[in-house]
Amino acid sequence: REDRALPLNDRVALYFHLLACKACPRFEKQLLTLRNSMQQWRH
């Protein structure tokens, strides 16, 4: 998802998995932190 738009079925599956799982939302937050940090570093 960082590189490309996901198809609708993958977006829906991702949404429901993130609602039901405890670990994956933490991983998502880590990815977002990494992306934001890289943008700040690039700037």
PDB file of all heavy atoms in Angstrom:
ATOM      1  N   ARG A   1       0.825  -1.214   0.000  1.00  0.00           N
ATOM      2  CA  ARG A   1       0.000   0.000   0.000  1.00  0.00           C
ATOM      3  C   ARG A   1       0.861   1.267   0.000  1.00  0.00           C
ATOM      4  O   ARG A   1       0.423   2.320  -0.441  1.00  0.00           O
ATOM      5  CB  ARG A   1      -0.916  -0.021   1.224  1.00  0.00           C
ATOM      6  CG  ARG A   1      -1.921   1.096   1.267  1.00  0.00           C
ATOM      7  CD  ARG A   1      -2.833   0.987   2.441  1.00  0.00           C
ATOM      8  NE  ARG A   1      -2.099   1.247   3.662  1.00  0.00           N
ATOM      9  CZ  ARG A   1      -2.635   1.255   4.867  1.00  0.00           C
ATOM     10  NH1 ARG A   1      -3.912   0.978   5.011  1.00  0.00           N
ATOM     11  NH2 ARG A   1      -1.908   1.509   5.925  1.00  0.00           N
ATOM     12  N   GLU A   2       2.090   1.141   0.453  1.00  0.00           N
ATOM     13  CA  GLU A   2       3.003   2.283   0.431  1.00  0.00           C
ATOM     14  C   GLU A   2       3.393   2.660  -0.998  1.00  0.00           C
ATOM     15  O   GLU A   2       3.730   3.807  -1.264  1.00  0.00           O
ATOM     16  CB  GLU A   2       4.266   1.968   1.239  1.00  0.00           C
ATOM     17  CG  GLU A   2       4.038   1.790   2.718  1.00  0.00           C
ATOM     18  CD  GLU A   2       3.615   3.079   3.404  1.00  0.00           C
ATOM     19  OE1 GLU A   2       4.253   4.123   3.165  1.00  0.00           O
ATOM     20  OE2 GLU A   2       2.630   3.052   4.160  1.00  0.00           O
ATOM     21  N   ASP A   3       3.371   1.696  -1.903  1.00  0.00           N
ATOM     22  CA  ASP A   3       3.848   1.918  -3.269  1.00  0.00           C
ATOM     23  C   ASP A   3       2.754   2.052  -4.313  1.00  0.00           C
ATOM     24  O   ASP A   3       2.990   2.612  -5.375  1.00  0.00           O
ATOM     25  CB  ASP A   3       4.763   0.760  -3.692  1.00  0.00           C
ATOM     26  CG  ASP A   3       6.009   0.667  -2.840  1.00  0.00           C
ATOM     27  OD1 ASP A   3       6.513   1.719  -2.426  1.00  0.00           O
ATOM     28  OD2 ASP A   3       6.480  -0.458  -2.608  1.00  0.00           O
ATOM     29  N   ARG A   4       1.586   1.503  -4.027  1.00  0.00           N
ATOM     30  CA  ARG A   4       0.540   1.489  -5.046  1.00  0.00           C
ATOM     31  C   ARG A   4      -0.830   1.405  -4.383  1.00  0.00           C
ATOM     32  O   ARG A   4      -0.944   1.045  -3.208  1.00  0.00           O
ATOM     33  CB  ARG A   4       0.716   0.298  -5.985  1.00  0.00           C
ATOM     34  CG  ARG A   4       0.628  -1.045  -5.280  1.00  0.00           C
ATOM     35  CD  ARG A   4       0.819  -2.213  -6.246  1.00  0.00           C
ATOM     36  NE  ARG A   4       1.039  -3.452  -5.560  1.00  0.00           N
ATOM     37  CZ  ARG A   4       0.073  -4.219  -5.034  1.00  0.00           C
ATOM     38  NH1 ARG A   4      -1.172  -3.854  -5.123  1.00  0.00           N
ATOM     39  NH2 ARG A   4       0.370  -5.348  -4.429  1.00  0.00           N
ATOM     40  N   ALA A   5      -1.836   1.757  -5.159  1.00  0.00           N
ATOM     41  CA  ALA A   5      -3.216   1.632  -4.686  1.00  0.00           C
ATOM     42  C   ALA A   5      -3.611   0.156  -4.723  1.00  0.00           C
ATOM     43  O   ALA A   5      -3.296  -0.555  -5.672  1.00  0.00           O
ATOM     44  CB  ALA A   5      -4.145   2.437  -5.572  1.00  0.00           C
ATOM     45  N   LEU A   6      -4.269  -0.285  -3.668  1.00  0.00           N
ATOM     46  CA  LEU A   6      -4.702  -1.682  -3.593  1.00  0.00           C
ATOM     47  C   LEU A   6      -6.069  -1.848  -4.245  1.00  0.00           C
ATOM     48  O   LEU A   6      -6.905  -0.945  -4.190  1.00  0.00           O
ATOM     49  CB  LEU A   6      -4.792  -2.126  -2.131  1.00  0.00           C
ATOM     50  CG  LEU A   6      -3.499  -2.117  -1.323  1.00  0.00           C
ATOM     51  CD1 LEU A   6      -3.796  -2.511   0.128  1.00  0.00           C
ATOM     52  CD2 LEU A   6      -2.472  -3.047  -1.922  1.00  0.00           C
ATOM     53  N   PRO A   7      -6.315  -3.028  -4.822  1.00  0.00           N
ATOM     54  CA  PRO A   7      -7.659  -3.314  -5.346  1.00  0.00           C
ATOM     55  C   PRO A   7      -8.688  -3.302  -4.209  1.00  0.00           C
ATOM     56  O   PRO A   7      -8.341  -3.499  -3.035  1.00  0.00           O
ATOM     57  CB  PRO A   7      -7.529  -4.722  -5.924  1.00  0.00           C
ATOM     58  CG  PRO A   7      -6.080  -4.992  -6.051  1.00  0.00           C
ATOM     59  CD  PRO A   7      -5.383  -4.123  -5.053  1.00  0.00           C
ATOM     60  N   LEU A   8      -9.923  -3.084  -4.556  1.00  0.00           N
ATOM     61  CA  LEU A   8     -10.995  -2.971  -3.561  1.00  0.00           C
ATOM     62  C   LEU A   8     -11.056  -4.180  -2.637  1.00  0.00           C
ATOM     63  O   LEU A   8     -11.164  -4.022  -1.414  1.00  0.00           O
ATOM     64  CB  LEU A   8     -12.342  -2.762  -4.255  1.00  0.00           C
ATOM     65  CG  LEU A   8     -13.549  -2.644  -3.323  1.00  0.00           C
ATOM     66  CD1 LEU A   8     -13.401  -1.435  -2.403  1.00  0.00           C
ATOM     67  CD2 LEU A   8     -14.829  -2.564  -4.125  1.00  0.00           C
ATOM     68  N   ASN A   9     -10.977  -5.392  -3.179  1.00  0.00           N
ATOM     69  CA  ASN A   9     -11.088  -6.577  -2.318  1.00  0.00           C
ATOM     70  C   ASN A   9      -9.936  -6.629  -1.298  1.00  0.00           C
ATOM     71  O   ASN A   9     -10.142  -7.031  -0.152  1.00  0.00           O
ATOM     72  CB  ASN A   9     -11.168  -7.861  -3.139  1.00  0.00           C
ATOM     73  CG  ASN A   9      -9.913  -8.121  -3.943  1.00  0.00           C
ATOM     74  OD1 ASN A   9      -9.262  -7.199  -4.431  1.00  0.00           O
ATOM     75  ND2 ASN A   9      -9.573  -9.382  -4.099  1.00  0.00           N
ATOM     76  N   ASP A  10      -8.745  -6.206  -1.680  1.00  0.00           N
ATOM     77  CA  ASP A  10      -7.626  -6.179  -0.727  1.00  0.00           C
ATOM     78  C   ASP A  10      -7.817  -5.092   0.322  1.00  0.00           C
ATOM     79  O   ASP A  10      -7.499  -5.284   1.492  1.00  0.00           O
ATOM     80  CB  ASP A  10      -6.294  -5.960  -1.459  1.00  0.00           C
ATOM     81  CG  ASP A  10      -5.821  -7.203  -2.179  1.00  0.00           C
ATOM     82  OD1 ASP A  10      -6.241  -8.322  -1.809  1.00  0.00           O
ATOM     83  OD2 ASP A  10      -5.008  -7.057  -3.114  1.00  0.00           O
ATOM     84  N   ARG A  11      -8.344  -3.942  -0.078  1.00  0.00           N
ATOM     85  CA  ARG A  11      -8.595  -2.859   0.889  1.00  0.00           C
ATOM     86  C   ARG A  11      -9.629  -3.277   1.924  1.00  0.00           C
ATOM     87  O   ARG A  11      -9.471  -3.019   3.121  1.00  0.00           O
ATOM     88  CB  ARG A  11      -9.049  -1.590   0.166  1.00  0.00           C
ATOM     89  CG  ARG A  11      -7.965  -0.926  -0.630  1.00  0.00           C
ATOM     90  CD  ARG A  11      -8.333   0.490  -1.076  1.00  0.00           C
ATOM     91  NE  ARG A  11      -9.664   0.623  -1.606  1.00  0.00           N
ATOM     92  CZ  ARG A  11      -9.976   0.709  -2.893  1.00  0.00           C
ATOM     93  NH1 ARG A  11      -9.031   0.660  -3.805  1.00  0.00           N
ATOM     94  NH2 ARG A  11     -11.222   0.857  -3.273  1.00  0.00           N
ATOM     95  N   VAL A  12     -10.686  -3.955   1.461  1.00  0.00           N
ATOM     96  CA  VAL A  12     -11.738  -4.407   2.382  1.00  0.00           C
ATOM     97  C   VAL A  12     -11.183  -5.481   3.318  1.00  0.00           C
ATOM     98  O   VAL A  12     -11.400  -5.430   4.535  1.00  0.00           O
ATOM     99  CB  VAL A  12     -12.966  -4.923   1.599  1.00  0.00           C
ATOM    100  CG1 VAL A  12     -13.965  -5.591   2.524  1.00  0.00           C
ATOM    101  CG2 VAL A  12     -13.617  -3.779   0.839  1.00  0.00           C
ATOM    102  N   ALA A  13     -10.442  -6.438   2.774  1.00  0.00           N
ATOM    103  CA  ALA A  13      -9.851  -7.493   3.604  1.00  0.00           C
ATOM    104  C   ALA A  13      -8.885  -6.899   4.618  1.00  0.00           C
ATOM    105  O   ALA A  13      -8.859  -7.307   5.787  1.00  0.00           O
ATOM    106  CB  ALA A  13      -9.136  -8.517   2.722  1.00  0.00           C
ATOM    107  N   LEU A  14      -8.108  -5.928   4.192  1.00  0.00           N
ATOM    108  CA  LEU A  14      -7.173  -5.259   5.093  1.00  0.00           C
ATOM    109  C   LEU A  14      -7.918  -4.554   6.219  1.00  0.00           C
ATOM    110  O   LEU A  14      -7.562  -4.684   7.397  1.00  0.00           O
ATOM    111  CB  LEU A  14      -6.344  -4.260   4.282  1.00  0.00           C
ATOM    112  CG  LEU A  14      -5.226  -3.526   4.985  1.00  0.00           C
ATOM    113  CD1 LEU A  14      -4.177  -4.482   5.519  1.00  0.00           C
ATOM    114  CD2 LEU A  14      -4.578  -2.534   4.027  1.00  0.00           C
ATOM    115  N   TYR A  15      -8.975  -3.843   5.880  1.00  0.00           N
ATOM    116  CA  TYR A  15      -9.781  -3.140   6.874  1.00  0.00           C
ATOM    117  C   TYR A  15     -10.308  -4.100   7.942  1.00  0.00           C
ATOM    118  O   TYR A  15     -10.161  -3.845   9.145  1.00  0.00           O
ATOM    119  CB  TYR A  15     -10.938  -2.417   6.168  1.00  0.00           C
ATOM    120  CG  TYR A  15     -11.912  -1.779   7.111  1.00  0.00           C
ATOM    121  CD1 TYR A  15     -11.629  -0.568   7.720  1.00  0.00           C
ATOM    122  CD2 TYR A  15     -13.124  -2.399   7.405  1.00  0.00           C
ATOM    123  CE1 TYR A  15     -12.538   0.025   8.597  1.00  0.00           C
ATOM    124  CE2 TYR A  15     -14.030  -1.818   8.272  1.00  0.00           C
ATOM    125  CZ  TYR A  15     -13.733  -0.608   8.870  1.00  0.00           C
ATOM    126  OH  TYR A  15     -14.620  -0.040   9.739  1.00  0.00           O
ATOM    127  N   PHE A  16     -10.903  -5.201   7.503  1.00  0.00           N
ATOM    128  CA  PHE A  16     -11.482  -6.143   8.468  1.00  0.00           C
ATOM    129  C   PHE A  16     -10.407  -6.851   9.286  1.00  0.00           C
ATOM    130  O   PHE A  16     -10.589  -7.095  10.481  1.00  0.00           O
ATOM    131  CB  PHE A  16     -12.394  -7.157   7.765  1.00  0.00           C
ATOM    132  CG  PHE A  16     -13.719  -6.569   7.386  1.00  0.00           C
ATOM    133  CD1 PHE A  16     -14.095  -6.469   6.059  1.00  0.00           C
ATOM    134  CD2 PHE A  16     -14.585  -6.093   8.355  1.00  0.00           C
ATOM    135  CE1 PHE A  16     -15.310  -5.912   5.711  1.00  0.00           C
ATOM    136  CE2 PHE A  16     -15.799  -5.533   8.022  1.00  0.00           C
ATOM    137  CZ  PHE A  16     -16.171  -5.437   6.693  1.00  0.00           C
ATOM    138  N   HIS A  17      -9.282  -7.165   8.675  1.00  0.00           N
ATOM    139  CA  HIS A  17      -8.212  -7.807   9.430  1.00  0.00           C
ATOM    140  C   HIS A  17      -7.685  -6.863  10.506  1.00  0.00           C
ATOM    141  O   HIS A  17      -7.452  -7.278  11.647  1.00  0.00           O
ATOM    142  CB  HIS A  17      -7.075  -8.258   8.509  1.00  0.00           C
ATOM    143  CG  HIS A  17      -6.005  -9.001   9.242  1.00  0.00           C
ATOM    144  ND1 HIS A  17      -6.017 -10.373   9.393  1.00  0.00           N
ATOM    145  CD2 HIS A  17      -4.910  -8.563   9.918  1.00  0.00           C
ATOM    146  CE1 HIS A  17      -4.967 -10.739  10.121  1.00  0.00           C
ATOM    147  NE2 HIS A  17      -4.281  -9.659  10.443  1.00  0.00           N
ATOM    148  N   LEU A  18      -7.512  -5.592  10.156  1.00  0.00           N
ATOM    149  CA  LEU A  18      -7.004  -4.625  11.131  1.00  0.00           C
ATOM    150  C   LEU A  18      -7.972  -4.417  12.288  1.00  0.00           C
ATOM    151  O   LEU A  18      -7.546  -4.117  13.410  1.00  0.00           O
ATOM    152  CB  LEU A  18      -6.688  -3.296  10.447  1.00  0.00           C
ATOM    153  CG  LEU A  18      -5.493  -3.328   9.486  1.00  0.00           C
ATOM    154  CD1 LEU A  18      -5.381  -2.011   8.724  1.00  0.00           C
ATOM    155  CD2 LEU A  18      -4.200  -3.637  10.213  1.00  0.00           C
ATOM    156  N   LEU A  19      -9.260  -4.598  12.037  1.00  0.00           N
ATOM    157  CA  LEU A  19     -10.241  -4.497  13.123  1.00  0.00           C
ATOM    158  C   LEU A  19     -10.136  -5.673  14.095  1.00  0.00           C
ATOM    159  O   LEU A  19     -10.355  -5.516  15.298  1.00  0.00           O
ATOM    160  CB  LEU A  19     -11.668  -4.464  12.563  1.00  0.00           C
ATOM    161  CG  LEU A  19     -12.135  -3.170  11.928  1.00  0.00           C
ATOM    162  CD1 LEU A  19     -13.543  -3.355  11.358  1.00  0.00           C
ATOM    163  CD2 LEU A  19     -12.118  -2.028  12.925  1.00  0.00           C
ATOM    164  N   ALA A  20      -9.803  -6.846  13.568  1.00  0.00           N
ATOM    165  CA  ALA A  20      -9.840  -8.065  14.368  1.00  0.00           C
ATOM    166  C   ALA A  20      -8.495  -8.432  15.004  1.00  0.00           C
ATOM    167  O   ALA A  20      -8.453  -9.228  15.939  1.00  0.00           O
ATOM    168  CB  ALA A  20     -10.308  -9.228  13.504  1.00  0.00           C
ATOM    169  N   CYS A  21      -7.415  -7.871  14.514  1.00  0.00           N
ATOM    170  CA  CYS A  21      -6.077  -8.292  14.937  1.00  0.00           C
ATOM    171  C   CYS A  21      -5.453  -7.246  15.865  1.00  0.00           C
ATOM    172  O   CYS A  21      -5.684  -6.050  15.720  1.00  0.00           O
ATOM    173  CB  CYS A  21      -5.202  -8.465  13.686  1.00  0.00           C
ATOM    174  SG  CYS A  21      -3.538  -9.051  14.028  1.00  0.00           S
ATOM    175  N   LYS A  22      -4.652  -7.702  16.815  1.00  0.00           N
ATOM    176  CA  LYS A  22      -3.957  -6.771  17.702  1.00  0.00           C
ATOM    177  C   LYS A  22      -2.580  -6.390  17.178  1.00  0.00           C
ATOM    178  O   LYS A  22      -2.122  -5.265  17.356  1.00  0.00           O
ATOM    179  CB  LYS A  22      -3.805  -7.383  19.093  1.00  0.00           C
ATOM    180  CG  LYS A  22      -5.087  -7.481  19.860  1.00  0.00           C
ATOM    181  CD  LYS A  22      -4.843  -7.990  21.253  1.00  0.00           C
ATOM    182  CE  LYS A  22      -6.151  -8.083  22.005  1.00  0.00           C
ATOM    183  NZ  LYS A  22      -5.962  -8.566  23.373  1.00  0.00           N
ATOM    184  N   ALA A  23      -1.904  -7.307  16.528  1.00  0.00           N
ATOM    185  CA  ALA A  23      -0.520  -7.070  16.099  1.00  0.00           C
ATOM    186  C   ALA A  23      -0.427  -6.230  14.831  1.00  0.00           C
ATOM    187  O   ALA A  23       0.431  -5.352  14.724  1.00  0.00           O
ATOM    188  CB  ALA A  23       0.197  -8.399  15.889  1.00  0.00           C
ATOM    189  N   CYS A  24      -1.270  -6.480  13.864  1.00  0.00           N
ATOM    190  CA  CYS A  24      -1.146  -5.807  12.569  1.00  0.00           C
ATOM    191  C   CYS A  24      -1.356  -4.289  12.644  1.00  0.00           C
ATOM    192  O   CYS A  24      -0.654  -3.554  11.955  1.00  0.00           O
ATOM    193  CB  CYS A  24      -2.066  -6.459  11.546  1.00  0.00           C
ATOM    194  SG  CYS A  24      -1.466  -8.111  11.077  1.00  0.00           S
ATOM    195  N   PRO A  25      -2.283  -3.782  13.454  1.00  0.00           N
ATOM    196  CA  PRO A  25      -2.366  -2.321  13.573  1.00  0.00           C
ATOM    197  C   PRO A  25      -1.086  -1.700  14.145  1.00  0.00           C
ATOM    198  O   PRO A  25      -0.715  -0.589  13.774  1.00  0.00           O
ATOM    199  CB  PRO A  25      -3.552  -2.105  14.519  1.00  0.00           C
ATOM    200  CG  PRO A  25      -4.406  -3.305  14.310  1.00  0.00           C
ATOM    201  CD  PRO A  25      -3.429  -4.432  14.097  1.00  0.00           C
ATOM    202  N   ARG A  26      -0.402  -2.434  15.008  1.00  0.00           N
ATOM    203  CA  ARG A  26       0.885  -1.928  15.518  1.00  0.00           C
ATOM    204  C   ARG A  26       1.901  -1.857  14.389  1.00  0.00           C
ATOM    205  O   ARG A  26       2.665  -0.899  14.286  1.00  0.00           O
ATOM    206  CB  ARG A  26       1.403  -2.808  16.651  1.00  0.00           C
ATOM    207  CG  ARG A  26       0.657  -2.606  17.951  1.00  0.00           C
ATOM    208  CD  ARG A  26       1.365  -3.277  19.100  1.00  0.00           C
ATOM    209  NE  ARG A  26       1.458  -4.710  18.882  1.00  0.00           N
ATOM    210  CZ  ARG A  26       0.903  -5.636  19.656  1.00  0.00           C
ATOM    211  NH1 ARG A  26       0.224  -5.276  20.704  1.00  0.00           N
ATOM    212  NH2 ARG A  26       1.038  -6.909  19.377  1.00  0.00           N
ATOM    213  N   PHE A  27       1.913  -2.883  13.533  1.00  0.00           N
ATOM    214  CA  PHE A  27       2.816  -2.884  12.391  1.00  0.00           C
ATOM    215  C   PHE A  27       2.479  -1.735  11.443  1.00  0.00           C
ATOM    216  O   PHE A  27       3.370  -1.049  10.938  1.00  0.00           O
ATOM    217  CB  PHE A  27       2.762  -4.228  11.667  1.00  0.00           C
ATOM    218  CG  PHE A  27       3.677  -4.309  10.484  1.00  0.00           C
ATOM    219  CD1 PHE A  27       5.053  -4.292  10.648  1.00  0.00           C
ATOM    220  CD2 PHE A  27       3.164  -4.400   9.207  1.00  0.00           C
ATOM    221  CE1 PHE A  27       5.905  -4.356   9.563  1.00  0.00           C
ATOM    222  CE2 PHE A  27       4.008  -4.475   8.114  1.00  0.00           C
ATOM    223  CZ  PHE A  27       5.383  -4.454   8.293  1.00  0.00           C
ATOM    224  N   GLU A  28       1.177  -1.501  11.237  1.00  0.00           N
ATOM    225  CA  GLU A  28       0.754  -0.390  10.388  1.00  0.00           C
ATOM    226  C   GLU A  28       1.256   0.938  10.958  1.00  0.00           C
ATOM    227  O   GLU A  28       1.767   1.793  10.230  1.00  0.00           O
ATOM    228  CB  GLU A  28      -0.770  -0.371  10.266  1.00  0.00           C
ATOM    229  CG  GLU A  28      -1.287   0.779   9.423  1.00  0.00           C
ATOM    230  CD  GLU A  28      -2.806   0.840   9.395  1.00  0.00           C
ATOM    231  OE1 GLU A  28      -3.444   0.515  10.417  1.00  0.00           O
ATOM    232  OE2 GLU A  28      -3.340   1.216   8.352  1.00  0.00           O
ATOM    233  N   LYS A  29       1.131   1.099  12.258  1.00  0.00           N
ATOM    234  CA  LYS A  29       1.601   2.330  12.903  1.00  0.00           C
ATOM    235  C   LYS A  29       3.122   2.474  12.749  1.00  0.00           C
ATOM    236  O   LYS A  29       3.624   3.579  12.508  1.00  0.00           O
ATOM    237  CB  LYS A  29       1.211   2.327  14.384  1.00  0.00           C
ATOM    238  CG  LYS A  29       1.539   3.605  15.095  1.00  0.00           C
ATOM    239  CD  LYS A  29       1.062   3.589  16.522  1.00  0.00           C
ATOM    240  CE  LYS A  29       1.473   4.879  17.217  1.00  0.00           C
ATOM    241  NZ  LYS A  29       1.082   4.893  18.621  1.00  0.00           N
ATOM    242  N   GLN A  30       3.845   1.385  12.866  1.00  0.00           N
ATOM    243  CA  GLN A  30       5.294   1.425  12.677  1.00  0.00           C
ATOM    244  C   GLN A  30       5.656   1.832  11.252  1.00  0.00           C
ATOM    245  O   GLN A  30       6.581   2.623  11.035  1.00  0.00           O
ATOM    246  CB  GLN A  30       5.918   0.071  13.015  1.00  0.00           C
ATOM    247  CG  GLN A  30       5.875  -0.270  14.482  1.00  0.00           C
ATOM    248  CD  GLN A  30       6.253  -1.709  14.763  1.00  0.00           C
ATOM    249  OE1 GLN A  30       6.306  -2.538  13.868  1.00  0.00           O
ATOM    250  NE2 GLN A  30       6.510  -2.007  16.033  1.00  0.00           N
ATOM    251  N   LEU A  31       4.930   1.309  10.268  1.00  0.00           N
ATOM    252  CA  LEU A  31       5.167   1.698   8.878  1.00  0.00           C
ATOM    253  C   LEU A  31       4.907   3.185   8.663  1.00  0.00           C
ATOM    254  O   LEU A  31       5.673   3.868   7.973  1.00  0.00           O
ATOM    255  CB  LEU A  31       4.281   0.894   7.925  1.00  0.00           C
ATOM    256  CG  LEU A  31       4.703  -0.529   7.617  1.00  0.00           C
ATOM    257  CD1 LEU A  31       3.649  -1.198   6.731  1.00  0.00           C
ATOM    258  CD2 LEU A  31       6.043  -0.567   6.936  1.00  0.00           C
ATOM    259  N   LEU A  32       3.826   3.691   9.236  1.00  0.00           N
ATOM    260  CA  LEU A  32       3.506   5.106   9.105  1.00  0.00           C
ATOM    261  C   LEU A  32       4.568   5.974   9.772  1.00  0.00           C
ATOM    262  O   LEU A  32       4.958   7.013   9.236  1.00  0.00           O
ATOM    263  CB  LEU A  32       2.123   5.398   9.692  1.00  0.00           C
ATOM    264  CG  LEU A  32       0.939   4.765   8.964  1.00  0.00           C
ATOM    265  CD1 LEU A  32      -0.357   4.998   9.727  1.00  0.00           C
ATOM    266  CD2 LEU A  32       0.833   5.282   7.547  1.00  0.00           C
ATOM    267  N   THR A  33       5.054   5.541  10.917  1.00  0.00           N
ATOM    268  CA  THR A  33       6.127   6.269  11.599  1.00  0.00           C
ATOM    269  C   THR A  33       7.384   6.286  10.741  1.00  0.00           C
ATOM    270  O   THR A  33       8.042   7.327  10.600  1.00  0.00           O
ATOM    271  CB  THR A  33       6.421   5.634  12.972  1.00  0.00           C
ATOM    272  OG1 THR A  33       5.232   5.709  13.765  1.00  0.00           O
ATOM    273  CG2 THR A  33       7.558   6.339  13.681  1.00  0.00           C
ATOM    274  N   LEU A  34       7.713   5.154  10.158  1.00  0.00           N
ATOM    275  CA  LEU A  34       8.884   5.062   9.289  1.00  0.00           C
ATOM    276  C   LEU A  34       8.725   5.972   8.072  1.00  0.00           C
ATOM    277  O   LEU A  34       9.652   6.697   7.699  1.00  0.00           O
ATOM    278  CB  LEU A  34       9.096   3.614   8.858  1.00  0.00           C
ATOM    279  CG  LEU A  34      10.304   3.337   7.993  1.00  0.00           C
ATOM    280  CD1 LEU A  34      11.594   3.705   8.719  1.00  0.00           C
ATOM    281  CD2 LEU A  34      10.334   1.870   7.612  1.00  0.00           C
ATOM    282  N   ARG A  35       7.546   5.947   7.447  1.00  0.00           N
ATOM    283  CA  ARG A  35       7.308   6.802   6.277  1.00  0.00           C
ATOM    284  C   ARG A  35       7.443   8.277   6.646  1.00  0.00           C
ATOM    285  O   ARG A  35       8.097   9.053   5.951  1.00  0.00           O
ATOM    286  CB  ARG A  35       5.928   6.550   5.694  1.00  0.00           C
ATOM    287  CG  ARG A  35       5.687   7.470   4.504  1.00  0.00           C
ATOM    288  CD  ARG A  35       4.409   7.268   3.732  1.00  0.00           C
ATOM    289  NE  ARG A  35       3.378   6.525   4.360  1.00  0.00           N
ATOM    290  CZ  ARG A  35       2.109   6.925   4.447  1.00  0.00           C
ATOM    291  NH1 ARG A  35       1.748   8.069   3.935  1.00  0.00           N
ATOM    292  NH2 ARG A  35       1.204   6.180   5.012  1.00  0.00           N
ATOM    293  N   ASN A  36       6.849   8.679   7.765  1.00  0.00           N
ATOM    294  CA  ASN A  36       6.931  10.075   8.202  1.00  0.00           C
ATOM    295  C   ASN A  36       8.368  10.469   8.521  1.00  0.00           C
ATOM    296  O   ASN A  36       8.804  11.570   8.178  1.00  0.00           O
ATOM    297  CB  ASN A  36       6.026  10.320   9.405  1.00  0.00           C
ATOM    298  CG  ASN A  36       4.567  10.247   9.037  1.00  0.00           C
ATOM    299  OD1 ASN A  36       4.192  10.449   7.890  1.00  0.00           O
ATOM    300  ND2 ASN A  36       3.728   9.941  10.008  1.00  0.00           N
ATOM    301  N   SER A  37       9.096   9.582   9.148  1.00  0.00           N
ATOM    302  CA  SER A  37      10.493   9.860   9.468  1.00  0.00           C
ATOM    303  C   SER A  37      11.326  10.025   8.203  1.00  0.00           C
ATOM    304  O   SER A  37      12.179  10.920   8.116  1.00  0.00           O
ATOM    305  CB  SER A  37      11.090   8.739  10.322  1.00  0.00           C
ATOM    306  OG  SER A  37      10.418   8.651  11.549  1.00  0.00           O
ATOM    307  N   MET A  38      11.080   9.179   7.223  1.00  0.00           N
ATOM    308  CA  MET A  38      11.820   9.288   5.961  1.00  0.00           C
ATOM    309  C   MET A  38      11.478  10.580   5.230  1.00  0.00           C
ATOM    310  O   MET A  38      12.360  11.215   4.643  1.00  0.00           O
ATOM    311  CB  MET A  38      11.537   8.080   5.065  1.00  0.00           C
ATOM    312  CG  MET A  38      12.106   6.779   5.597  1.00  0.00           C
ATOM    313  SD  MET A  38      13.888   6.842   5.891  1.00  0.00           S
ATOM    314  CE  MET A  38      14.481   7.024   4.232  1.00  0.00           C
ATOM    315  N   GLN A  39      10.227  10.999   5.274  1.00  0.00           N
ATOM    316  CA  GLN A  39       9.849  12.267   4.645  1.00  0.00           C
ATOM    317  C   GLN A  39      10.545  13.430   5.335  1.00  0.00           C
ATOM    318  O   GLN A  39      11.043  14.348   4.678  1.00  0.00           O
ATOM    319  CB  GLN A  39       8.338  12.460   4.687  1.00  0.00           C
ATOM    320  CG  GLN A  39       7.601  11.585   3.707  1.00  0.00           C
ATOM    321  CD  GLN A  39       6.095  11.693   3.861  1.00  0.00           C
ATOM    322  OE1 GLN A  39       5.587  12.265   4.814  1.00  0.00           O
ATOM    323  NE2 GLN A  39       5.365  11.126   2.907  1.00  0.00           N
ATOM    324  N   GLN A  40      10.611  13.410   6.655  1.00  0.00           N
ATOM    325  CA  GLN A  40      11.301  14.465   7.391  1.00  0.00           C
ATOM    326  C   GLN A  40      12.789  14.458   7.077  1.00  0.00           C
ATOM    327  O   GLN A  40      13.400  15.506   6.897  1.00  0.00           O
ATOM    328  CB  GLN A  40      11.067  14.310   8.895  1.00  0.00           C
ATOM    329  CG  GLN A  40       9.668  14.646   9.310  1.00  0.00           C
ATOM    330  CD  GLN A  40       9.444  14.431  10.797  1.00  0.00           C
ATOM    331  OE1 GLN A  40      10.355  14.062  11.534  1.00  0.00           O
ATOM    332  NE2 GLN A  40       8.229  14.645  11.246  1.00  0.00           N
ATOM    333  N   TRP A  41      13.387  13.281   7.002  1.00  0.00           N
ATOM    334  CA  TRP A  41      14.805  13.173   6.690  1.00  0.00           C
ATOM    335  C   TRP A  41      15.076  13.704   5.286  1.00  0.00           C
ATOM    336  O   TRP A  41      16.032  14.432   5.060  1.00  0.00           O
ATOM    337  CB  TRP A  41      15.260  11.716   6.803  1.00  0.00           C
ATOM    338  CG  TRP A  41      16.700  11.529   6.444  1.00  0.00           C
ATOM    339  CD1 TRP A  41      17.776  11.772   7.231  1.00  0.00           C
ATOM    340  CD2 TRP A  41      17.207  11.048   5.187  1.00  0.00           C
ATOM    341  NE1 TRP A  41      18.937  11.474   6.550  1.00  0.00           N
ATOM    342  CE2 TRP A  41      18.614  11.034   5.298  1.00  0.00           C
ATOM    343  CE3 TRP A  41      16.611  10.646   4.005  1.00  0.00           C
ATOM    344  CZ2 TRP A  41      19.427  10.629   4.250  1.00  0.00           C
ATOM    345  CZ3 TRP A  41      17.423  10.237   2.963  1.00  0.00           C
ATOM    346  CH2 TRP A  41      18.819  10.231   3.100  1.00  0.00           C
ATOM    347  N   ARG A  42      14.221  13.327   4.334  1.00  0.00           N
ATOM    348  CA  ARG A  42      14.378  13.796   2.960  1.00  0.00           C
ATOM    349  C   ARG A  42      14.295  15.315   2.908  1.00  0.00           C
ATOM    350  O   ARG A  42      15.085  15.973   2.246  1.00  0.00           O
ATOM    351  CB  ARG A  42      13.289  13.167   2.084  1.00  0.00           C
ATOM    352  CG  ARG A  42      13.720  12.928   0.670  1.00  0.00           C
ATOM    353  CD  ARG A  42      12.685  12.150  -0.130  1.00  0.00           C
ATOM    354  NE  ARG A  42      12.618  10.755   0.273  1.00  0.00           N
ATOM    355  CZ  ARG A  42      11.531  10.149   0.709  1.00  0.00           C
ATOM    356  NH1 ARG A  42      10.397  10.782   0.807  1.00  0.00           N
ATOM    357  NH2 ARG A  42      11.557   8.891   1.054  1.00  0.00           N
ATOM    358  N   HIS A  43      13.339  15.885   3.630  1.00  0.00           N
ATOM    359  CA  HIS A  43      13.180  17.334   3.678  1.00  0.00           C
ATOM    360  C   HIS A  43      14.415  17.972   4.327  1.00  0.00           C
ATOM    361  O   HIS A  43      14.920  18.981   3.845  1.00  0.00           O
ATOM    362  CB  HIS A  43      11.908  17.706   4.450  1.00  0.00           C
ATOM    363  CG  HIS A  43      11.679  19.163   4.551  1.00  0.00           C
ATOM    364  ND1 HIS A  43      11.323  19.927   3.468  1.00  0.00           N
ATOM    365  CD2 HIS A  43      11.771  20.008   5.600  1.00  0.00           C
ATOM    366  CE1 HIS A  43      11.210  21.186   3.857  1.00  0.00           C
ATOM    367  NE2 HIS A  43      11.473  21.268   5.141  1.00  0.00           N
TER     368      HIS A  43
END
